[in-house]
């Protein structure tokens, strides 16, 4: 069965053509396009990715091509997928603190 996140754009909360990332949430290991999608589906609070794990594991998915990135690779990407060069919504950087422990970084 195909992954419904791959090839998707946006979600009910964010819907520009550049809203193509999904986050594997550290708290539950499930992947959603945004924190609101997570909150609607899960019965727990979001736990941000700790800084100590920024260089480990698949944390951010490019929905355009299916390329997974670590948190650090995503933060360093310049709003562009290293797998397919698709542009990510640059405004998402304002929300990084909601997903990743970036305070003081």
PDB file of N, CA and C in Angstrom:
ATOM      1  N   UNK A   1       0.836  -1.174   0.000  1.00  0.00           N
ATOM      2  CA  UNK A   1       0.000   0.000   0.000  1.00  0.00           C
ATOM      3  C   UNK A   1       0.887   1.246   0.000  1.00  0.00           C
ATOM      4  N   UNK A   2       0.512   2.218  -0.793  1.00  0.00           N
ATOM      5  CA  UNK A   2       1.286   3.456  -0.898  1.00  0.00           C
ATOM      6  C   UNK A   2       1.123   4.291   0.366  1.00  0.00           C
ATOM      7  N   UNK A   3       2.172   5.020   0.701  1.00  0.00           N
ATOM      8  CA  UNK A   3       2.137   5.908   1.859  1.00  0.00           C
ATOM      9  C   UNK A   3       1.312   7.141   1.497  1.00  0.00           C
ATOM     10  N   UNK A   4       0.220   7.419   2.230  1.00  0.00           N
ATOM     11  CA  UNK A   4      -0.620   8.568   1.875  1.00  0.00           C
ATOM     12  C   UNK A   4       0.060   9.920   2.062  1.00  0.00           C
ATOM     13  N   UNK A   5       1.163   9.958   2.806  1.00  0.00           N
ATOM     14  CA  UNK A   5       1.875  11.223   2.982  1.00  0.00           C
ATOM     15  C   UNK A   5       2.717  11.580   1.768  1.00  0.00           C
ATOM     16  N   UNK A   6       3.214  10.560   1.045  1.00  0.00           N
ATOM     17  CA  UNK A   6       4.078  10.817  -0.109  1.00  0.00           C
ATOM     18  C   UNK A   6       3.239  11.399  -1.244  1.00  0.00           C
ATOM     19  N   UNK A   7       3.722  12.470  -1.810  1.00  0.00           N
ATOM     20  CA  UNK A   7       3.027  13.121  -2.912  1.00  0.00           C
ATOM     21  C   UNK A   7       1.958  14.097  -2.456  1.00  0.00           C
ATOM     22  N   UNK A   8       1.729  14.152  -1.161  1.00  0.00           N
ATOM     23  CA  UNK A   8       0.715  15.058  -0.637  1.00  0.00           C
ATOM     24  C   UNK A   8       1.241  16.472  -0.485  1.00  0.00           C
ATOM     25  N   UNK A   9       0.317  17.390  -0.457  1.00  0.00           N
ATOM     26  CA  UNK A   9       0.657  18.793  -0.232  1.00  0.00           C
ATOM     27  C   UNK A   9      -0.268  19.316   0.847  1.00  0.00           C
ATOM     28  N   UNK A  10       0.327  19.920   1.851  1.00  0.00           N
ATOM     29  CA  UNK A  10      -0.461  20.561   2.880  1.00  0.00           C
ATOM     30  C   UNK A  10      -1.278  19.596   3.718  1.00  0.00           C
ATOM     31  N   UNK A  11      -2.240  20.176   4.391  1.00  0.00           N
ATOM     32  CA  UNK A  11      -3.153  19.455   5.263  1.00  0.00           C
ATOM     33  C   UNK A  11      -4.332  20.399   5.476  1.00  0.00           C
ATOM     34  N   UNK A  12      -5.302  20.033   6.291  1.00  0.00           N
ATOM     35  CA  UNK A  12      -6.419  20.962   6.504  1.00  0.00           C
ATOM     36  C   UNK A  12      -6.006  22.304   7.127  1.00  0.00           C
ATOM     37  N   UNK A  13      -4.815  22.348   7.720  1.00  0.00           N
ATOM     38  CA  UNK A  13      -4.384  23.550   8.436  1.00  0.00           C
ATOM     39  C   UNK A  13      -3.404  24.418   7.646  1.00  0.00           C
ATOM     40  N   UNK A  14      -2.634  23.823   6.761  1.00  0.00           N
ATOM     41  CA  UNK A  14      -1.624  24.525   5.959  1.00  0.00           C
ATOM     42  C   UNK A  14      -1.729  23.980   4.541  1.00  0.00           C
ATOM     43  N   UNK A  15      -1.893  24.854   3.550  1.00  0.00           N
ATOM     44  CA  UNK A  15      -2.198  24.322   2.225  1.00  0.00           C
ATOM     45  C   UNK A  15      -1.519  25.012   1.054  1.00  0.00           C
ATOM     46  N   UNK A  16      -0.322  25.556   1.264  1.00  0.00           N
ATOM     47  CA  UNK A  16       0.373  26.112   0.105  1.00  0.00           C
ATOM     48  C   UNK A  16       1.082  24.980  -0.636  1.00  0.00           C
ATOM     49  N   UNK A  17       1.499  25.245  -1.836  1.00  0.00           N
ATOM     50  CA  UNK A  17       2.189  24.223  -2.633  1.00  0.00           C
ATOM     51  C   UNK A  17       3.548  23.859  -2.046  1.00  0.00           C
ATOM     52  N   UNK A  18       4.041  24.667  -1.092  1.00  0.00           N
ATOM     53  CA  UNK A  18       5.336  24.371  -0.476  1.00  0.00           C
ATOM     54  C   UNK A  18       5.201  23.740   0.915  1.00  0.00           C
ATOM     55  N   UNK A  19       3.987  23.440   1.325  1.00  0.00           N
ATOM     56  CA  UNK A  19       3.770  22.745   2.599  1.00  0.00           C
ATOM     57  C   UNK A  19       3.871  21.244   2.353  1.00  0.00           C
ATOM     58  N   UNK A  20       5.110  20.797   2.161  1.00  0.00           N
ATOM     59  CA  UNK A  20       5.340  19.411   1.742  1.00  0.00           C
ATOM     60  C   UNK A  20       6.163  18.602   2.734  1.00  0.00           C
ATOM     61  N   UNK A  21       6.357  19.097   3.939  1.00  0.00           N
ATOM     62  CA  UNK A  21       7.073  18.297   4.929  1.00  0.00           C
ATOM     63  C   UNK A  21       6.076  17.670   5.892  1.00  0.00           C
ATOM     64  N   UNK A  22       6.493  16.580   6.483  1.00  0.00           N
ATOM     65  CA  UNK A  22       5.753  15.947   7.571  1.00  0.00           C
ATOM     66  C   UNK A  22       6.776  15.623   8.652  1.00  0.00           C
ATOM     67  N   UNK A  23       6.346  15.697   9.879  1.00  0.00           N
ATOM     68  CA  UNK A  23       7.229  15.486  11.024  1.00  0.00           C
ATOM     69  C   UNK A  23       6.910  14.148  11.670  1.00  0.00           C
ATOM     70  N   UNK A  24       7.934  13.356  11.932  1.00  0.00           N
ATOM     71  CA  UNK A  24       7.759  12.179  12.786  1.00  0.00           C
ATOM     72  C   UNK A  24       7.895  12.699  14.213  1.00  0.00           C
ATOM     73  N   UNK A  25       6.805  12.697  14.922  1.00  0.00           N
ATOM     74  CA  UNK A  25       6.786  13.290  16.259  1.00  0.00           C
ATOM     75  C   UNK A  25       7.544  12.423  17.246  1.00  0.00           C
ATOM     76  N   UNK A  26       8.420  13.073  17.995  1.00  0.00           N
ATOM     77  CA  UNK A  26       9.266  12.367  18.959  1.00  0.00           C
ATOM     78  C   UNK A  26       8.432  11.680  20.038  1.00  0.00           C
ATOM     79  N   UNK A  27       7.318  12.265  20.405  1.00  0.00           N
ATOM     80  CA  UNK A  27       6.504  11.744  21.504  1.00  0.00           C
ATOM     81  C   UNK A  27       5.854  10.404  21.190  1.00  0.00           C
ATOM     82  N   UNK A  28       5.519  10.148  19.937  1.00  0.00           N
ATOM     83  CA  UNK A  28       4.772   8.930  19.608  1.00  0.00           C
ATOM     84  C   UNK A  28       5.337   8.158  18.421  1.00  0.00           C
ATOM     85  N   UNK A  29       6.275   8.753  17.692  1.00  0.00           N
ATOM     86  CA  UNK A  29       6.844   8.074  16.537  1.00  0.00           C
ATOM     87  C   UNK A  29       5.941   8.065  15.318  1.00  0.00           C
ATOM     88  N   UNK A  30       4.830   8.759  15.382  1.00  0.00           N
ATOM     89  CA  UNK A  30       3.918   8.827  14.244  1.00  0.00           C
ATOM     90  C   UNK A  30       4.189  10.106  13.454  1.00  0.00           C
ATOM     91  N   UNK A  31       3.879  10.046  12.166  1.00  0.00           N
ATOM     92  CA  UNK A  31       4.207  11.143  11.259  1.00  0.00           C
ATOM     93  C   UNK A  31       2.948  11.887  10.836  1.00  0.00           C
ATOM     94  N   UNK A  32       3.004  13.208  10.977  1.00  0.00           N
ATOM     95  CA  UNK A  32       1.884  14.070  10.608  1.00  0.00           C
ATOM     96  C   UNK A  32       2.418  15.315   9.906  1.00  0.00           C
ATOM     97  N   UNK A  33       1.584  15.943   9.042  1.00  0.00           N
ATOM     98  CA  UNK A  33       2.005  17.171   8.370  1.00  0.00           C
ATOM     99  C   UNK A  33       2.167  18.374   9.302  1.00  0.00           C
ATOM    100  N   UNK A  34       1.453  18.392  10.428  1.00  0.00           N
ATOM    101  CA  UNK A  34       1.588  19.533  11.334  1.00  0.00           C
ATOM    102  C   UNK A  34       1.155  19.158  12.742  1.00  0.00           C
ATOM    103  N   UNK A  35       1.403  20.056  13.678  1.00  0.00           N
ATOM    104  CA  UNK A  35       1.046  19.801  15.074  1.00  0.00           C
ATOM    105  C   UNK A  35      -0.452  19.707  15.275  1.00  0.00           C
ATOM    106  N   UNK A  36      -1.230  20.420  14.476  1.00  0.00           N
ATOM    107  CA  UNK A  36      -2.682  20.356  14.615  1.00  0.00           C
ATOM    108  C   UNK A  36      -3.202  18.989  14.173  1.00  0.00           C
ATOM    109  N   UNK A  37      -2.640  18.447  13.093  1.00  0.00           N
ATOM    110  CA  UNK A  37      -3.012  17.094  12.655  1.00  0.00           C
ATOM    111  C   UNK A  37      -2.665  16.084  13.751  1.00  0.00           C
ATOM    112  N   UNK A  38      -1.494  16.238  14.360  1.00  0.00           N
ATOM    113  CA  UNK A  38      -1.086  15.376  15.472  1.00  0.00           C
ATOM    114  C   UNK A  38      -2.098  15.472  16.606  1.00  0.00           C
ATOM    115  N   UNK A  39      -2.419  16.690  17.014  1.00  0.00           N
ATOM    116  CA  UNK A  39      -3.307  16.881  18.154  1.00  0.00           C
ATOM    117  C   UNK A  39      -4.703  16.319  17.908  1.00  0.00           C
ATOM    118  N   UNK A  40      -5.174  16.394  16.668  1.00  0.00           N
ATOM    119  CA  UNK A  40      -6.498  15.861  16.342  1.00  0.00           C
ATOM    120  C   UNK A  40      -6.535  14.336  16.385  1.00  0.00           C
ATOM    121  N   UNK A  41      -5.389  13.701  16.143  1.00  0.00           N
ATOM    122  CA  UNK A  41      -5.345  12.239  16.076  1.00  0.00           C
ATOM    123  C   UNK A  41      -4.852  11.568  17.351  1.00  0.00           C
ATOM    124  N   UNK A  42      -4.079  12.277  18.141  1.00  0.00           N
ATOM    125  CA  UNK A  42      -3.437  11.674  19.317  1.00  0.00           C
ATOM    126  C   UNK A  42      -4.034  12.213  20.615  1.00  0.00           C
ATOM    127  N   UNK A  43      -3.912  11.434  21.655  1.00  0.00           N
ATOM    128  CA  UNK A  43      -4.447  11.822  22.955  1.00  0.00           C
ATOM    129  C   UNK A  43      -3.382  12.239  23.939  1.00  0.00           C
ATOM    130  N   UNK A  44      -2.279  12.778  23.441  1.00  0.00           N
ATOM    131  CA  UNK A  44      -1.187  13.200  24.321  1.00  0.00           C
ATOM    132  C   UNK A  44      -0.597  14.515  23.816  1.00  0.00           C
ATOM    133  N   UNK A  45       0.156  15.149  24.676  1.00  0.00           N
ATOM    134  CA  UNK A  45       0.827  16.402  24.322  1.00  0.00           C
ATOM    135  C   UNK A  45       2.071  16.111  23.486  1.00  0.00           C
ATOM    136  N   UNK A  46       2.420  17.065  22.679  1.00  0.00           N
ATOM    137  CA  UNK A  46       3.624  16.956  21.858  1.00  0.00           C
ATOM    138  C   UNK A  46       4.859  17.078  22.743  1.00  0.00           C
ATOM    139  N   UNK A  47       5.826  16.220  22.474  1.00  0.00           N
ATOM    140  CA  UNK A  47       7.146  16.308  23.099  1.00  0.00           C
ATOM    141  C   UNK A  47       8.120  16.630  21.973  1.00  0.00           C
ATOM    142  N   UNK A  48       8.835  17.743  22.093  1.00  0.00           N
ATOM    143  CA  UNK A  48       9.754  18.146  21.026  1.00  0.00           C
ATOM    144  C   UNK A  48      10.957  17.211  20.947  1.00  0.00           C
ATOM    145  N   UNK A  49      11.553  17.165  19.756  1.00  0.00           N
ATOM    146  CA  UNK A  49      12.784  16.391  19.571  1.00  0.00           C
ATOM    147  C   UNK A  49      13.885  17.030  20.412  1.00  0.00           C
ATOM    148  N   UNK A  50      14.537  16.262  21.291  1.00  0.00           N
ATOM    149  CA  UNK A  50      15.630  16.826  22.093  1.00  0.00           C
ATOM    150  C   UNK A  50      16.860  17.084  21.232  1.00  0.00           C
ATOM    151  N   UNK A  51      17.586  18.130  21.581  1.00  0.00           N
ATOM    152  CA  UNK A  51      18.789  18.507  20.831  1.00  0.00           C
ATOM    153  C   UNK A  51      19.765  17.347  20.678  1.00  0.00           C
ATOM    154  N   UNK A  52      19.864  16.507  21.685  1.00  0.00           N
ATOM    155  CA  UNK A  52      20.809  15.383  21.650  1.00  0.00           C
ATOM    156  C   UNK A  52      20.502  14.400  20.525  1.00  0.00           C
ATOM    157  N   UNK A  53      19.291  14.448  19.966  1.00  0.00           N
ATOM    158  CA  UNK A  53      18.903  13.521  18.897  1.00  0.00           C
ATOM    159  C   UNK A  53      18.779  14.195  17.531  1.00  0.00           C
ATOM    160  N   UNK A  54      19.198  15.446  17.426  1.00  0.00           N
ATOM    161  CA  UNK A  54      19.064  16.167  16.161  1.00  0.00           C
ATOM    162  C   UNK A  54      19.786  15.485  15.001  1.00  0.00           C
ATOM    163  N   UNK A  55      20.853  14.770  15.271  1.00  0.00           N
ATOM    164  CA  UNK A  55      21.626  14.127  14.197  1.00  0.00           C
ATOM    165  C   UNK A  55      21.309  12.649  14.034  1.00  0.00           C
ATOM    166  N   UNK A  56      20.258  12.173  14.673  1.00  0.00           N
ATOM    167  CA  UNK A  56      19.938  10.748  14.596  1.00  0.00           C
ATOM    168  C   UNK A  56      18.519  10.530  14.091  1.00  0.00           C
ATOM    169  N   UNK A  57      18.329   9.485  13.357  1.00  0.00           N
ATOM    170  CA  UNK A  57      16.995   9.045  12.979  1.00  0.00           C
ATOM    171  C   UNK A  57      16.293   9.878  11.930  1.00  0.00           C
ATOM    172  N   UNK A  58      15.247   9.280  11.398  1.00  0.00           N
ATOM    173  CA  UNK A  58      14.408   9.933  10.407  1.00  0.00           C
ATOM    174  C   UNK A  58      13.350  10.750  11.136  1.00  0.00           C
ATOM    175  N   UNK A  59      13.435  12.059  11.031  1.00  0.00           N
ATOM    176  CA  UNK A  59      12.532  12.937  11.772  1.00  0.00           C
ATOM    177  C   UNK A  59      11.627  13.780  10.882  1.00  0.00           C
ATOM    178  N   UNK A  60      12.099  14.129   9.692  1.00  0.00           N
ATOM    179  CA  UNK A  60      11.335  15.009   8.805  1.00  0.00           C
ATOM    180  C   UNK A  60      11.284  14.374   7.419  1.00  0.00           C
ATOM    181  N   UNK A  61      10.085  14.317   6.871  1.00  0.00           N
ATOM    182  CA  UNK A  61       9.845  13.689   5.575  1.00  0.00           C
ATOM    183  C   UNK A  61       9.518  14.740   4.525  1.00  0.00           C
ATOM    184  N   UNK A  62      10.198  14.680   3.383  1.00  0.00           N
ATOM    185  CA  UNK A  62       9.793  15.476   2.227  1.00  0.00           C
ATOM    186  C   UNK A  62       8.690  14.683   1.538  1.00  0.00           C
ATOM    187  N   UNK A  63       7.512  15.222   1.527  1.00  0.00           N
ATOM    188  CA  UNK A  63       6.381  14.514   0.938  1.00  0.00           C
ATOM    189  C   UNK A  63       6.423  14.522  -0.586  1.00  0.00           C
ATOM    190  N   UNK A  64       7.254  15.372  -1.168  1.00  0.00           N
ATOM    191  CA  UNK A  64       7.367  15.399  -2.624  1.00  0.00           C
ATOM    192  C   UNK A  64       8.083  14.165  -3.155  1.00  0.00           C
ATOM    193  N   UNK A  65       9.132  13.728  -2.431  1.00  0.00           N
ATOM    194  CA  UNK A  65       9.941  12.621  -2.956  1.00  0.00           C
ATOM    195  C   UNK A  65      10.107  11.448  -1.999  1.00  0.00           C
ATOM    196  N   UNK A  66       9.713  11.615  -0.739  1.00  0.00           N
ATOM    197  CA  UNK A  66       9.858  10.540   0.233  1.00  0.00           C
ATOM    198  C   UNK A  66      11.195  10.509   0.943  1.00  0.00           C
ATOM    199  N   UNK A  67      11.996  11.558   0.765  1.00  0.00           N
ATOM    200  CA  UNK A  67      13.309  11.624   1.408  1.00  0.00           C
ATOM    201  C   UNK A  67      13.148  11.973   2.884  1.00  0.00           C
ATOM    202  N   UNK A  68      13.789  11.165   3.755  1.00  0.00           N
ATOM    203  CA  UNK A  68      13.792  11.427   5.196  1.00  0.00           C
ATOM    204  C   UNK A  68      15.049  12.190   5.586  1.00  0.00           C
ATOM    205  N   UNK A  69      14.905  13.072   6.564  1.00  0.00           N
ATOM    206  CA  UNK A  69      16.030  13.862   7.069  1.00  0.00           C
ATOM    207  C   UNK A  69      16.076  13.775   8.587  1.00  0.00           C
ATOM    208  N   UNK A  70      17.275  13.939   9.120  1.00  0.00           N
ATOM    209  CA  UNK A  70      17.395  14.154  10.557  1.00  0.00           C
ATOM    210  C   UNK A  70      16.889  15.571  10.848  1.00  0.00           C
ATOM    211  N   UNK A  71      16.664  15.863  12.104  1.00  0.00           N
ATOM    212  CA  UNK A  71      16.264  17.222  12.470  1.00  0.00           C
ATOM    213  C   UNK A  71      17.318  18.216  11.997  1.00  0.00           C
ATOM    214  N   UNK A  72      18.593  17.909  12.259  1.00  0.00           N
ATOM    215  CA  UNK A  72      19.656  18.841  11.881  1.00  0.00           C
ATOM    216  C   UNK A  72      19.726  19.042  10.379  1.00  0.00           C
ATOM    217  N   UNK A  73      19.576  17.978   9.607  1.00  0.00           N
ATOM    218  CA  UNK A  73      19.595  18.113   8.146  1.00  0.00           C
ATOM    219  C   UNK A  73      18.449  19.008   7.677  1.00  0.00           C
ATOM    220  N   UNK A  74      17.291  18.852   8.286  1.00  0.00           N
ATOM    221  CA  UNK A  74      16.153  19.708   7.937  1.00  0.00           C
ATOM    222  C   UNK A  74      16.431  21.164   8.305  1.00  0.00           C
ATOM    223  N   UNK A  75      16.923  21.392   9.509  1.00  0.00           N
ATOM    224  CA  UNK A  75      17.205  22.764   9.943  1.00  0.00           C
ATOM    225  C   UNK A  75      18.284  23.425   9.087  1.00  0.00           C
ATOM    226  N   UNK A  76      19.201  22.621   8.563  1.00  0.00           N
ATOM    227  CA  UNK A  76      20.292  23.136   7.723  1.00  0.00           C
ATOM    228  C   UNK A  76      19.946  23.161   6.237  1.00  0.00           C
ATOM    229  N   UNK A  77      18.755  22.725   5.863  1.00  0.00           N
ATOM    230  CA  UNK A  77      18.410  22.519   4.452  1.00  0.00           C
ATOM    231  C   UNK A  77      18.214  23.804   3.657  1.00  0.00           C
ATOM    232  N   UNK A  78      18.058  24.938   4.322  1.00  0.00           N
ATOM    233  CA  UNK A  78      17.787  26.165   3.580  1.00  0.00           C
ATOM    234  C   UNK A  78      16.418  26.140   2.919  1.00  0.00           C
ATOM    235  N   UNK A  79      15.472  25.430   3.522  1.00  0.00           N
ATOM    236  CA  UNK A  79      14.097  25.305   3.009  1.00  0.00           C
ATOM    237  C   UNK A  79      14.043  24.653   1.639  1.00  0.00           C
ATOM    238  N   UNK A  80      14.936  23.684   1.432  1.00  0.00           N
ATOM    239  CA  UNK A  80      15.001  22.968   0.159  1.00  0.00           C
ATOM    240  C   UNK A  80      15.351  21.510   0.434  1.00  0.00           C
ATOM    241  N   UNK A  81      14.619  20.582  -0.153  1.00  0.00           N
ATOM    242  CA  UNK A  81      14.870  19.160   0.080  1.00  0.00           C
ATOM    243  C   UNK A  81      16.217  18.737  -0.493  1.00  0.00           C
ATOM    244  N   UNK A  82      17.069  18.115   0.315  1.00  0.00           N
ATOM    245  CA  UNK A  82      18.345  17.626  -0.206  1.00  0.00           C
ATOM    246  C   UNK A  82      18.178  16.425  -1.131  1.00  0.00           C
ATOM    247  N   UNK A  83      17.001  15.815  -1.130  1.00  0.00           N
ATOM    248  CA  UNK A  83      16.755  14.658  -1.987  1.00  0.00           C
ATOM    249  C   UNK A  83      16.272  15.015  -3.375  1.00  0.00           C
ATOM    250  N   UNK A  84      15.384  16.017  -3.472  1.00  0.00           N
ATOM    251  CA  UNK A  84      14.792  16.337  -4.778  1.00  0.00           C
ATOM    252  C   UNK A  84      14.829  17.829  -5.118  1.00  0.00           C
ATOM    253  N   UNK A  85      15.325  18.656  -4.216  1.00  0.00           N
ATOM    254  CA  UNK A  85      15.439  20.108  -4.391  1.00  0.00           C
ATOM    255  C   UNK A  85      14.095  20.839  -4.370  1.00  0.00           C
ATOM    256  N   UNK A  86      13.025  20.163  -3.957  1.00  0.00           N
ATOM    257  CA  UNK A  86      11.733  20.845  -3.820  1.00  0.00           C
ATOM    258  C   UNK A  86      11.845  21.909  -2.730  1.00  0.00           C
ATOM    259  N   UNK A  87      11.143  23.002  -2.926  1.00  0.00           N
ATOM    260  CA  UNK A  87      11.165  24.093  -1.952  1.00  0.00           C
ATOM    261  C   UNK A  87      10.172  23.833  -0.828  1.00  0.00           C
ATOM    262  N   UNK A  88      10.656  23.983   0.404  1.00  0.00           N
ATOM    263  CA  UNK A  88       9.790  23.909   1.575  1.00  0.00           C
ATOM    264  C   UNK A  88       9.282  25.312   1.880  1.00  0.00           C
ATOM    265  N   UNK A  89       8.190  25.395   2.589  1.00  0.00           N
ATOM    266  CA  UNK A  89       7.656  26.678   3.018  1.00  0.00           C
ATOM    267  C   UNK A  89       8.659  27.318   3.981  1.00  0.00           C
ATOM    268  N   UNK A  90       9.287  28.433   3.612  1.00  0.00           N
ATOM    269  CA  UNK A  90      10.289  29.040   4.492  1.00  0.00           C
ATOM    270  C   UNK A  90       9.695  29.560   5.795  1.00  0.00           C
ATOM    271  N   UNK A  91       8.394  29.809   5.814  1.00  0.00           N
ATOM    272  CA  UNK A  91       7.743  30.266   7.033  1.00  0.00           C
ATOM    273  C   UNK A  91       7.714  29.216   8.131  1.00  0.00           C
ATOM    274  N   UNK A  92       7.924  27.966   7.770  1.00  0.00           N
ATOM    275  CA  UNK A  92       7.918  26.897   8.772  1.00  0.00           C
ATOM    276  C   UNK A  92       9.024  27.079   9.803  1.00  0.00           C
ATOM    277  N   UNK A  93      10.070  27.790   9.452  1.00  0.00           N
ATOM    278  CA  UNK A  93      11.168  27.993  10.404  1.00  0.00           C
ATOM    279  C   UNK A  93      10.701  28.756  11.645  1.00  0.00           C
ATOM    280  N   UNK A  94       9.645  29.542  11.502  1.00  0.00           N
ATOM    281  CA  UNK A  94       9.098  30.260  12.661  1.00  0.00           C
ATOM    282  C   UNK A  94       8.435  29.315  13.665  1.00  0.00           C
ATOM    283  N   UNK A  95       8.131  28.096  13.229  1.00  0.00           N
ATOM    284  CA  UNK A  95       7.433  27.127  14.073  1.00  0.00           C
ATOM    285  C   UNK A  95       8.337  26.003  14.561  1.00  0.00           C
ATOM    286  N   UNK A  96       9.614  26.062  14.250  1.00  0.00           N
ATOM    287  CA  UNK A  96      10.534  24.964  14.598  1.00  0.00           C
ATOM    288  C   UNK A  96      10.501  24.635  16.085  1.00  0.00           C
ATOM    289  N   UNK A  97      10.362  25.652  16.919  1.00  0.00           N
ATOM    290  CA  UNK A  97      10.358  25.424  18.375  1.00  0.00           C
ATOM    291  C   UNK A  97       9.182  24.564  18.842  1.00  0.00           C
ATOM    292  N   UNK A  98       8.155  24.437  18.025  1.00  0.00           N
ATOM    293  CA  UNK A  98       7.007  23.607  18.384  1.00  0.00           C
ATOM    294  C   UNK A  98       7.279  22.123  18.166  1.00  0.00           C
ATOM    295  N   UNK A  99       8.295  21.815  17.354  1.00  0.00           N
ATOM    296  CA  UNK A  99       8.623  20.438  17.005  1.00  0.00           C
ATOM    297  C   UNK A  99       9.981  19.989  17.538  1.00  0.00           C
ATOM    298  N   UNK A 100      10.902  20.938  17.622  1.00  0.00           N
ATOM    299  CA  UNK A 100      12.296  20.634  17.964  1.00  0.00           C
ATOM    300  C   UNK A 100      12.766  21.543  19.102  1.00  0.00           C
ATOM    301  N   UNK A 101      13.607  21.026  19.966  1.00  0.00           N
ATOM    302  CA  UNK A 101      14.146  21.812  21.079  1.00  0.00           C
ATOM    303  C   UNK A 101      15.248  22.732  20.553  1.00  0.00           C
ATOM    304  N   UNK A 102      14.838  23.830  19.935  1.00  0.00           N
ATOM    305  CA  UNK A 102      15.793  24.749  19.310  1.00  0.00           C
ATOM    306  C   UNK A 102      16.117  25.954  20.179  1.00  0.00           C
ATOM    307  N   UNK A 103      15.520  26.055  21.338  1.00  0.00           N
ATOM    308  CA  UNK A 103      15.813  27.190  22.225  1.00  0.00           C
ATOM    309  C   UNK A 103      17.296  27.220  22.552  1.00  0.00           C
ATOM    310  N   UNK A 104      17.908  28.347  22.296  1.00  0.00           N
ATOM    311  CA  UNK A 104      19.327  28.503  22.594  1.00  0.00           C
ATOM    312  C   UNK A 104      20.260  27.948  21.543  1.00  0.00           C
ATOM    313  N   UNK A 105      19.717  27.426  20.445  1.00  0.00           N
ATOM    314  CA  UNK A 105      20.576  26.880  19.386  1.00  0.00           C
ATOM    315  C   UNK A 105      20.992  27.999  18.471  1.00  0.00           C
TER     316      UNK A 105
END
